């Protein structure tokens, strides 16, 4: 990978990772806020989306680690890290930030809870970053390129 692209990857990785961990730190230290539709409140998610696979307990973090490493190998092999270093950095920073939570806190630190008209899963900034990066890669897959202002 060329130096400029490597720098883009690490800058986006570092920024997203640090922002996510700082937000989680704020909630771990007692911050809460509630409104009619959204509650910002601490929850430790022992599973994945919608708390699925929580029954895997300690094994889940190792499975997630293997999946992230496998995805990293796939991105390297398909040259997605070179083609889209910033989006790749966002994806891997968010994934590793949530993984770090599993190793340090026993589950992912979640804090955004939508409860207006219907109950939605509680989630965090890293989850939003993962969704965003996957959306960008899907756009790339279907339309051939990621808009240059985003990539």
Protein backbone atom coordinates (compact mmCIF):
# COMPACT_ATOMS: atom_id res chain seq x y z
CA UNK A 1 0.00 0.00 0.00
CA UNK A 2 1.36 3.43 -0.91
CA UNK A 3 2.29 5.78 1.92
CA UNK A 4 -0.52 8.28 1.22
CA UNK A 5 -3.15 5.59 1.29
CA UNK A 6 -1.63 4.01 4.39
CA UNK A 7 -1.74 7.39 6.12
CA UNK A 8 -5.40 7.84 5.11
CA UNK A 9 -6.20 4.41 6.54
CA UNK A 10 -4.46 5.04 9.86
CA UNK A 11 -5.82 8.58 10.28
CA UNK A 12 -9.40 7.43 9.73
CA UNK A 13 -8.77 4.39 11.95
CA UNK A 14 -7.30 6.48 14.76
CA UNK A 15 -9.99 9.20 14.64
CA UNK A 16 -12.93 6.78 14.70
CA UNK A 17 -11.35 4.51 17.33
CA UNK A 18 -10.54 7.41 19.67
CA UNK A 19 -13.93 9.12 19.24
CA UNK A 20 -15.77 5.86 19.91
CA UNK A 21 -13.73 5.04 23.01
CA UNK A 22 -14.11 8.61 24.35
CA UNK A 23 -17.90 8.51 23.94
CA UNK A 24 -18.01 5.13 25.67
CA UNK A 25 -15.84 6.51 28.50
CA UNK A 26 -18.38 9.31 29.04
CA UNK A 27 -21.22 6.79 29.39
CA UNK A 28 -19.16 4.46 31.56
CA UNK A 29 -18.72 7.40 33.93
CA UNK A 30 -22.43 7.94 34.43
CA UNK A 31 -23.70 10.20 31.65
CA UNK A 32 -27.40 9.73 30.84
CA UNK A 33 -29.98 11.71 28.90
CA UNK A 34 -33.58 10.86 28.09
CA UNK A 35 -36.20 12.28 25.77
CA UNK A 36 -39.53 11.12 24.42
CA UNK A 37 -37.96 9.06 21.61
CA UNK A 38 -34.28 8.57 22.44
CA UNK A 39 -32.50 7.57 25.61
CA UNK A 40 -28.76 7.88 25.94
CA UNK A 41 -28.02 5.35 28.62
CA UNK A 42 -25.34 2.76 29.30
CA UNK A 43 -25.88 -0.86 28.36
CA UNK A 44 -23.28 -3.61 28.10
CA UNK A 45 -24.28 -5.85 25.19
CA UNK A 46 -22.98 -9.39 25.66
CA UNK A 47 -24.20 -10.42 22.20
CA UNK A 48 -24.17 -8.82 18.77
CA UNK A 49 -27.03 -6.91 17.11
CA UNK A 50 -30.25 -7.31 19.11
CA UNK A 51 -28.18 -9.26 21.68
CA UNK A 52 -28.05 -12.30 19.39
CA UNK A 53 -25.45 -14.94 20.19
CA UNK A 54 -25.06 -13.77 23.81
CA UNK A 55 -25.26 -17.46 24.75
CA UNK A 56 -21.75 -17.88 23.27
CA UNK A 57 -20.34 -15.98 26.23
CA UNK A 58 -16.55 -15.66 26.22
CA UNK A 59 -16.25 -17.46 22.87
CA UNK A 60 -18.00 -14.60 21.05
CA UNK A 61 -15.00 -12.26 21.35
CA UNK A 62 -12.68 -14.86 19.83
CA UNK A 63 -15.14 -15.58 17.03
CA UNK A 64 -15.40 -11.84 16.38
CA UNK A 65 -11.60 -11.53 16.36
CA UNK A 66 -11.31 -14.33 13.78
CA UNK A 67 -14.02 -12.72 11.64
CA UNK A 68 -12.28 -9.33 11.73
CA UNK A 69 -8.91 -10.90 10.86
CA UNK A 70 -10.56 -12.86 8.04
CA UNK A 71 -12.19 -9.70 6.75
CA UNK A 72 -8.83 -7.94 6.93
CA UNK A 73 -7.26 -10.69 4.85
CA UNK A 74 -10.11 -10.44 2.32
CA UNK A 75 -9.73 -6.64 2.11
CA UNK A 76 -5.97 -7.01 1.61
CA UNK A 77 -6.36 -9.73 -1.02
CA UNK A 78 -9.05 -7.82 -2.94
CA UNK A 79 -7.04 -4.58 -2.62
CA UNK A 80 -9.97 -2.84 -0.93
CA UNK A 81 -7.58 -1.33 1.61
CA UNK A 82 -5.75 0.35 -1.29
CA UNK A 83 -8.85 1.37 -3.22
CA UNK A 84 -10.73 2.75 -0.22
CA UNK A 85 -8.34 3.37 2.68
CA UNK A 86 -10.50 5.86 4.60
CA UNK A 87 -13.67 3.76 4.47
CA UNK A 88 -11.62 0.66 5.37
CA UNK A 89 -10.09 2.54 8.29
CA UNK A 90 -13.55 3.50 9.55
CA UNK A 91 -14.79 -0.09 9.32
CA UNK A 92 -11.81 -1.67 11.07
CA UNK A 93 -11.58 1.02 13.75
CA UNK A 94 -15.23 0.52 14.69
CA UNK A 95 -14.90 -3.26 14.65
CA UNK A 96 -11.76 -3.23 16.81
CA UNK A 97 -13.26 -0.67 19.19
CA UNK A 98 -16.25 -2.93 19.84
CA UNK A 99 -13.90 -5.92 20.11
CA UNK A 100 -11.78 -4.08 22.68
CA UNK A 101 -14.94 -3.57 24.75
CA UNK A 102 -15.57 -7.31 24.72
CA UNK A 103 -12.07 -8.05 26.01
CA UNK A 104 -11.95 -5.26 28.61
CA UNK A 105 -15.58 -4.90 29.73
CA UNK A 106 -17.10 -8.30 28.93
CA UNK A 107 -19.42 -6.85 26.27
CA UNK A 108 -19.87 -3.95 23.89
CA UNK A 109 -20.66 -0.57 25.43
CA UNK A 110 -23.92 0.60 23.85
CA UNK A 111 -25.81 3.76 24.72
CA UNK A 112 -28.26 4.99 22.03
CA UNK A 113 -31.75 3.57 22.55
CA UNK A 114 -34.59 4.52 20.20
CA UNK A 115 -38.00 3.85 21.77
CA UNK A 116 -40.50 6.05 19.93
CA UNK A 117 -43.33 4.18 18.13
CA UNK A 118 -41.30 0.97 18.33
CA UNK A 119 -38.38 -0.41 20.31
CA UNK A 120 -35.12 -0.56 18.42
CA UNK A 121 -31.83 -2.17 19.36
CA UNK A 122 -29.52 -0.16 21.55
CA UNK A 123 -26.37 0.79 19.66
CA UNK A 124 -23.27 3.00 19.66
CA UNK A 125 -21.14 5.24 17.44
CA UNK A 126 -19.01 2.30 16.24
CA UNK A 127 -22.15 0.49 15.05
CA UNK A 128 -23.12 3.55 13.01
CA UNK A 129 -19.60 3.68 11.53
CA UNK A 130 -19.78 -0.01 10.61
CA UNK A 131 -23.18 0.51 8.95
CA UNK A 132 -21.87 3.58 7.09
CA UNK A 133 -18.78 1.79 5.77
CA UNK A 134 -20.78 -1.26 4.69
CA UNK A 135 -23.22 1.05 2.90
CA UNK A 136 -20.29 2.70 1.10
CA UNK A 137 -18.85 -0.68 0.06
CA UNK A 138 -22.30 -1.80 -1.14
CA UNK A 139 -22.53 1.41 -3.17
CA UNK A 140 -19.09 0.62 -4.61
CA UNK A 141 -20.15 -2.94 -5.44
CA UNK A 142 -23.38 -1.91 -7.20
CA UNK A 143 -22.28 1.35 -8.83
CA UNK A 144 -18.57 0.79 -9.37
CA UNK A 145 -17.06 3.51 -7.24
CA UNK A 146 -17.37 5.34 -3.97
CA UNK A 147 -17.84 9.10 -4.40
CA UNK A 148 -14.40 10.73 -4.16
CA UNK A 149 -15.48 13.12 -1.39
CA UNK A 150 -16.24 10.12 0.87
CA UNK A 151 -13.41 7.75 -0.04
